[in-house]
Amino acid sequence: LDSQVLQEPGDRSHWCVVAYWEEKTRVGRLYSVQEPSLDIFYDLPQGNGFCLGQLNSDNKSQLVQKVRSKIGYGIQLTKEVDGVWVYNRSSYPIFIKSATLDNPDSRTLLVHKVFPGFSIKAFDYEKAYSLQRPNDHEFMQQPWTGFTVQISFVKGWGQCYTRQFISSCPCWLEVIFNNR
């Protein structure tokens, strides 16, 4: 994590930070979110939020370029009282993996497909605080004890897909929630 972005003195009120990835490479800086709602999109003539199209990417992969062109209106992250909702504003499905979307006794977390025009409660604060699983290898790999959601555009990953890991997906986001 880019500790400078997380520790700027006037930046104490963020509720999450967003990292954009292309395969195994993070593109651009962490985007700190203070507003209750954030639009994350590829390239629009107007709109407020996190414009992925403005980030300089050295990735020349045809698949990455193809998926980038399909992000379009992207997603909207909204912080509500009960958790964080993700609304799919794009014309293609998105895929989400979150510790709070699954059965707490599950050994592996499922990847959930969200169709265009639909939303999902991707993160539940109350459930996240109750997920104290210090011996779980998968949770130990995540920053801030599972306070992370992964979102892939267009391409899925996991046991139902040819891509086993999100780092094999062309374009994806890591949303890291502030656990304070």
C-alpha atoms as a PDB file:
ATOM      1  CA  LEU A   1       0.000   0.000   0.000  1.00  0.00           C
ATOM      2  CA  ASP A   2       1.119   3.519  -0.736  1.00  0.00           C
ATOM      3  CA  SER A   3       1.367   4.736   2.858  1.00  0.00           C
ATOM      4  CA  GLN A   4       1.670   8.385   1.788  1.00  0.00           C
ATOM      5  CA  VAL A   5      -1.809   8.327   0.266  1.00  0.00           C
ATOM      6  CA  LEU A   6      -3.285   6.791   3.416  1.00  0.00           C
ATOM      7  CA  GLN A   7      -1.608   9.141   5.881  1.00  0.00           C
ATOM      8  CA  GLU A   8      -2.081  12.640   4.538  1.00  0.00           C
ATOM      9  CA  PRO A   9      -3.078  14.846   7.521  1.00  0.00           C
ATOM     10  CA  GLY A  10      -6.259  16.271   5.965  1.00  0.00           C
ATOM     11  CA  ASP A  11      -7.369  12.843   4.774  1.00  0.00           C
ATOM     12  CA  ARG A  12      -8.728  11.275   7.947  1.00  0.00           C
ATOM     13  CA  SER A  13     -12.351  11.028   6.861  1.00  0.00           C
ATOM     14  CA  HIS A  14     -12.000   8.487   4.042  1.00  0.00           C
ATOM     15  CA  TRP A  15     -14.153   5.369   4.353  1.00  0.00           C
ATOM     16  CA  CYS A  16     -12.291   3.396   1.708  1.00  0.00           C
ATOM     17  CA  VAL A  17      -9.481   3.513  -0.809  1.00  0.00           C
ATOM     18  CA  VAL A  18      -9.669   2.052  -4.305  1.00  0.00           C
ATOM     19  CA  ALA A  19      -6.821   0.552  -6.309  1.00  0.00           C
ATOM     20  CA  TYR A  20      -7.166  -0.157 -10.036  1.00  0.00           C
ATOM     21  CA  TRP A  21      -5.261  -3.149 -11.422  1.00  0.00           C
ATOM     22  CA  GLU A  22      -4.545  -4.567 -14.852  1.00  0.00           C
ATOM     23  CA  GLU A  23      -3.635  -8.198 -14.348  1.00  0.00           C
ATOM     24  CA  LYS A  24      -0.793  -8.195 -11.759  1.00  0.00           C
ATOM     25  CA  THR A  25       0.039  -4.481 -12.067  1.00  0.00           C
ATOM     26  CA  ARG A  26      -1.535  -1.649 -10.085  1.00  0.00           C
ATOM     27  CA  VAL A  27      -2.200   1.310 -12.364  1.00  0.00           C
ATOM     28  CA  GLY A  28      -2.098   4.794 -10.828  1.00  0.00           C
ATOM     29  CA  ARG A  29      -2.299   5.803  -7.184  1.00  0.00           C
ATOM     30  CA  LEU A  30      -4.769   4.712  -4.549  1.00  0.00           C
ATOM     31  CA  TYR A  31      -7.995   6.713  -4.796  1.00  0.00           C
ATOM     32  CA  SER A  32      -9.198   7.858  -1.367  1.00  0.00           C
ATOM     33  CA  VAL A  33     -12.995   8.127  -0.962  1.00  0.00           C
ATOM     34  CA  GLN A  34     -14.657  10.636   1.389  1.00  0.00           C
ATOM     35  CA  GLU A  35     -18.018  11.148  -0.330  1.00  0.00           C
ATOM     36  CA  PRO A  36     -20.802   8.646   0.521  1.00  0.00           C
ATOM     37  CA  SER A  37     -21.002   7.619  -3.139  1.00  0.00           C
ATOM     38  CA  LEU A  38     -18.364   7.133  -5.843  1.00  0.00           C
ATOM     39  CA  ASP A  39     -18.701   6.504  -9.562  1.00  0.00           C
ATOM     40  CA  ILE A  40     -15.849   4.492 -11.070  1.00  0.00           C
ATOM     41  CA  PHE A  41     -15.957   4.639 -14.865  1.00  0.00           C
ATOM     42  CA  TYR A  42     -13.701   4.350 -17.863  1.00  0.00           C
ATOM     43  CA  ASP A  43     -14.150   7.371 -20.063  1.00  0.00           C
ATOM     44  CA  LEU A  44     -16.993   9.847 -19.947  1.00  0.00           C
ATOM     45  CA  PRO A  45     -17.112  13.426 -21.181  1.00  0.00           C
ATOM     46  CA  GLN A  46     -18.613  14.502 -17.842  1.00  0.00           C
ATOM     47  CA  GLY A  47     -19.116  13.049 -14.421  1.00  0.00           C
ATOM     48  CA  ASN A  48     -17.497  13.041 -11.015  1.00  0.00           C
ATOM     49  CA  GLY A  49     -15.528  10.165  -9.628  1.00  0.00           C
ATOM     50  CA  PHE A  50     -12.647   7.895 -10.452  1.00  0.00           C
ATOM     51  CA  CYS A  51     -11.975   7.963 -14.212  1.00  0.00           C
ATOM     52  CA  LEU A  52      -9.901   4.886 -15.073  1.00  0.00           C
ATOM     53  CA  GLY A  53      -9.321   6.147 -18.621  1.00  0.00           C
ATOM     54  CA  GLN A  54      -7.165   8.994 -17.289  1.00  0.00           C
ATOM     55  CA  LEU A  55      -4.698   6.589 -15.705  1.00  0.00           C
ATOM     56  CA  ASN A  56      -1.559   5.898 -17.726  1.00  0.00           C
ATOM     57  CA  SER A  57      -1.264   2.197 -18.422  1.00  0.00           C
ATOM     58  CA  ASP A  58       1.749   0.576 -20.032  1.00  0.00           C
ATOM     59  CA  ASN A  59      -0.233  -2.608 -20.639  1.00  0.00           C
ATOM     60  CA  LYS A  60      -0.390  -3.341 -24.357  1.00  0.00           C
ATOM     61  CA  SER A  61      -2.260  -6.652 -23.961  1.00  0.00           C
ATOM     62  CA  GLN A  62      -5.124  -6.844 -26.462  1.00  0.00           C
ATOM     63  CA  LEU A  63      -7.369  -8.443 -23.841  1.00  0.00           C
ATOM     64  CA  VAL A  64      -6.728  -5.607 -21.352  1.00  0.00           C
ATOM     65  CA  GLN A  65      -7.444  -3.024 -24.079  1.00  0.00           C
ATOM     66  CA  LYS A  66     -10.649  -4.856 -25.066  1.00  0.00           C
ATOM     67  CA  VAL A  67     -11.929  -5.092 -21.482  1.00  0.00           C
ATOM     68  CA  ARG A  68     -10.973  -1.446 -20.750  1.00  0.00           C
ATOM     69  CA  SER A  69     -13.134  -0.392 -23.703  1.00  0.00           C
ATOM     70  CA  LYS A  70     -16.106  -2.277 -22.185  1.00  0.00           C
ATOM     71  CA  ILE A  71     -15.992  -0.689 -18.687  1.00  0.00           C
ATOM     72  CA  GLY A  72     -18.020   2.311 -19.898  1.00  0.00           C
ATOM     73  CA  TYR A  73     -20.157   3.736 -17.065  1.00  0.00           C
ATOM     74  CA  GLY A  74     -18.550   1.189 -14.718  1.00  0.00           C
ATOM     75  CA  ILE A  75     -19.852   0.926 -11.179  1.00  0.00           C
ATOM     76  CA  GLN A  76     -21.113   3.044  -8.326  1.00  0.00           C
ATOM     77  CA  LEU A  77     -19.950   2.362  -4.758  1.00  0.00           C
ATOM     78  CA  THR A  78     -22.348   3.670  -2.121  1.00  0.00           C
ATOM     79  CA  LYS A  79     -21.788   3.662   1.625  1.00  0.00           C
ATOM     80  CA  GLU A  80     -25.083   3.014   3.407  1.00  0.00           C
ATOM     81  CA  VAL A  81     -25.839   2.464   7.112  1.00  0.00           C
ATOM     82  CA  ASP A  82     -25.929  -1.320   6.624  1.00  0.00           C
ATOM     83  CA  GLY A  83     -22.806  -1.579   4.461  1.00  0.00           C
ATOM     84  CA  VAL A  84     -21.443  -0.818   1.020  1.00  0.00           C
ATOM     85  CA  TRP A  85     -23.486  -1.422  -2.102  1.00  0.00           C
ATOM     86  CA  VAL A  86     -22.104  -1.819  -5.614  1.00  0.00           C
ATOM     87  CA  TYR A  87     -24.330  -0.911  -8.554  1.00  0.00           C
ATOM     88  CA  ASN A  88     -23.285  -2.175 -11.983  1.00  0.00           C
ATOM     89  CA  ARG A  89     -23.708   0.790 -14.351  1.00  0.00           C
ATOM     90  CA  SER A  90     -21.849  -0.852 -17.248  1.00  0.00           C
ATOM     91  CA  SER A  91     -23.254  -2.892 -20.142  1.00  0.00           C
ATOM     92  CA  TYR A  92     -21.359  -6.015 -19.044  1.00  0.00           C
ATOM     93  CA  PRO A  93     -21.331  -8.117 -15.872  1.00  0.00           C
ATOM     94  CA  ILE A  94     -18.991  -7.422 -12.993  1.00  0.00           C
ATOM     95  CA  PHE A  95     -17.655 -10.029 -10.572  1.00  0.00           C
ATOM     96  CA  ILE A  96     -17.268  -9.496  -6.823  1.00  0.00           C
ATOM     97  CA  LYS A  97     -15.511 -11.384  -4.037  1.00  0.00           C
ATOM     98  CA  SER A  98     -16.091 -10.288  -0.448  1.00  0.00           C
ATOM     99  CA  ALA A  99     -15.716 -12.013   2.903  1.00  0.00           C
ATOM    100  CA  THR A 100     -19.138 -10.711   3.969  1.00  0.00           C
ATOM    101  CA  LEU A 101     -21.020 -12.089   0.942  1.00  0.00           C
ATOM    102  CA  ASP A 102     -20.532 -15.725   1.898  1.00  0.00           C
ATOM    103  CA  ASN A 103     -21.255 -18.230   4.621  1.00  0.00           C
ATOM    104  CA  PRO A 104     -18.710 -17.542   7.393  1.00  0.00           C
ATOM    105  CA  ASP A 105     -17.993 -21.297   7.650  1.00  0.00           C
ATOM    106  CA  SER A 106     -17.071 -21.587   3.983  1.00  0.00           C
ATOM    107  CA  ARG A 107     -13.455 -22.548   3.268  1.00  0.00           C
ATOM    108  CA  THR A 108     -13.250 -20.608  -0.002  1.00  0.00           C
ATOM    109  CA  LEU A 109     -15.022 -17.414  -0.906  1.00  0.00           C
ATOM    110  CA  LEU A 110     -17.264 -17.435  -3.944  1.00  0.00           C
ATOM    111  CA  VAL A 111     -17.111 -14.914  -6.755  1.00  0.00           C
ATOM    112  CA  HIS A 112     -20.524 -13.345  -7.356  1.00  0.00           C
ATOM    113  CA  LYS A 113     -21.638 -12.246 -10.841  1.00  0.00           C
ATOM    114  CA  VAL A 114     -23.638  -9.000 -10.974  1.00  0.00           C
ATOM    115  CA  PHE A 115     -25.452  -8.276 -14.232  1.00  0.00           C
ATOM    116  CA  PRO A 116     -25.789  -4.781 -15.770  1.00  0.00           C
ATOM    117  CA  GLY A 117     -28.363  -2.647 -13.961  1.00  0.00           C
ATOM    118  CA  PHE A 118     -28.230  -4.707 -10.764  1.00  0.00           C
ATOM    119  CA  SER A 119     -26.676  -4.015  -7.374  1.00  0.00           C
ATOM    120  CA  ILE A 120     -25.331  -6.109  -4.517  1.00  0.00           C
ATOM    121  CA  LYS A 121     -24.463  -5.398  -0.896  1.00  0.00           C
ATOM    122  CA  ALA A 122     -20.768  -6.128  -1.356  1.00  0.00           C
ATOM    123  CA  PHE A 123     -19.663  -5.333   2.163  1.00  0.00           C
ATOM    124  CA  ASP A 124     -21.394  -5.603   5.532  1.00  0.00           C
ATOM    125  CA  TYR A 125     -19.582  -3.791   8.373  1.00  0.00           C
ATOM    126  CA  GLU A 126     -21.259  -5.761  11.172  1.00  0.00           C
ATOM    127  CA  LYS A 127     -20.446  -9.099   9.525  1.00  0.00           C
ATOM    128  CA  ALA A 128     -16.857  -8.002   8.823  1.00  0.00           C
ATOM    129  CA  TYR A 129     -16.199  -7.228  12.491  1.00  0.00           C
ATOM    130  CA  SER A 130     -17.509 -10.663  13.461  1.00  0.00           C
ATOM    131  CA  LEU A 131     -15.185 -12.407  10.990  1.00  0.00           C
ATOM    132  CA  GLN A 132     -12.231 -12.975  13.272  1.00  0.00           C
ATOM    133  CA  ARG A 133     -10.474 -15.877  11.587  1.00  0.00           C
ATOM    134  CA  PRO A 134      -6.773 -15.440  12.393  1.00  0.00           C
ATOM    135  CA  ASN A 135      -5.839 -18.959  11.223  1.00  0.00           C
ATOM    136  CA  ASP A 136      -7.449 -18.631   7.805  1.00  0.00           C
ATOM    137  CA  HIS A 137      -4.660 -18.308   5.226  1.00  0.00           C
ATOM    138  CA  GLU A 138      -6.857 -16.471   2.705  1.00  0.00           C
ATOM    139  CA  PHE A 139      -7.850 -13.807   5.238  1.00  0.00           C
ATOM    140  CA  MET A 140      -4.278 -13.359   6.417  1.00  0.00           C
ATOM    141  CA  GLN A 141      -3.273 -12.465   2.848  1.00  0.00           C
ATOM    142  CA  GLN A 142      -5.726  -9.562   2.839  1.00  0.00           C
ATOM    143  CA  PRO A 143      -4.946  -6.169   4.358  1.00  0.00           C
ATOM    144  CA  TRP A 144      -7.006  -5.086   7.357  1.00  0.00           C
ATOM    145  CA  THR A 145      -8.408  -8.525   8.197  1.00  0.00           C
ATOM    146  CA  GLY A 146     -10.814  -9.036   5.362  1.00  0.00           C
ATOM    147  CA  PHE A 147     -11.886  -5.403   4.993  1.00  0.00           C
ATOM    148  CA  THR A 148     -11.287  -5.785   1.263  1.00  0.00           C
ATOM    149  CA  VAL A 149     -13.564  -6.374  -1.727  1.00  0.00           C
ATOM    150  CA  GLN A 150     -12.288  -7.360  -5.159  1.00  0.00           C
ATOM    151  CA  ILE A 151     -14.256  -6.395  -8.273  1.00  0.00           C
ATOM    152  CA  SER A 152     -13.436  -7.496 -11.810  1.00  0.00           C
ATOM    153  CA  PHE A 153     -14.891  -5.921 -14.948  1.00  0.00           C
ATOM    154  CA  VAL A 154     -16.270  -8.236 -17.684  1.00  0.00           C
ATOM    155  CA  LYS A 155     -14.173 -11.330 -16.777  1.00  0.00           C
ATOM    156  CA  GLY A 156     -14.773 -13.617 -13.799  1.00  0.00           C
ATOM    157  CA  TRP A 157     -12.323 -15.726 -11.787  1.00  0.00           C
ATOM    158  CA  GLY A 158     -12.372 -18.526  -9.250  1.00  0.00           C
ATOM    159  CA  GLN A 159     -13.463 -22.135  -9.250  1.00  0.00           C
ATOM    160  CA  CYS A 160     -16.113 -21.648 -11.983  1.00  0.00           C
ATOM    161  CA  TYR A 161     -13.752 -19.869 -14.412  1.00  0.00           C
ATOM    162  CA  THR A 162     -10.534 -20.528 -16.306  1.00  0.00           C
ATOM    163  CA  ARG A 163      -8.874 -17.711 -14.347  1.00  0.00           C
ATOM    164  CA  GLN A 164      -8.243 -18.978 -10.828  1.00  0.00           C
ATOM    165  CA  PHE A 165      -6.973 -15.684  -9.363  1.00  0.00           C
ATOM    166  CA  ILE A 166      -8.158 -12.107  -9.758  1.00  0.00           C
ATOM    167  CA  SER A 167      -4.608 -11.119 -10.762  1.00  0.00           C
ATOM    168  CA  SER A 168      -5.283 -13.013 -14.015  1.00  0.00           C
ATOM    169  CA  CYS A 169      -8.246 -10.737 -14.792  1.00  0.00           C
ATOM    170  CA  PRO A 170      -7.558  -7.941 -17.308  1.00  0.00           C
ATOM    171  CA  CYS A 171      -9.139  -5.031 -15.346  1.00  0.00           C
ATOM    172  CA  TRP A 172     -10.088  -5.112 -11.684  1.00  0.00           C
ATOM    173  CA  LEU A 173     -10.475  -3.072  -8.514  1.00  0.00           C
ATOM    174  CA  GLU A 174      -9.438  -3.608  -4.940  1.00  0.00           C
ATOM    175  CA  VAL A 175     -11.597  -1.691  -2.460  1.00  0.00           C
ATOM    176  CA  ILE A 176     -10.019  -1.459   0.995  1.00  0.00           C
ATOM    177  CA  PHE A 177     -12.360  -0.287   3.755  1.00  0.00           C
ATOM    178  CA  ASN A 178     -11.305   1.852   6.648  1.00  0.00           C
ATOM    179  CA  ASN A 179     -11.985  -0.290   9.719  1.00  0.00           C
ATOM    180  CA  ARG A 180     -12.171   2.654  12.141  1.00  0.00           C
END
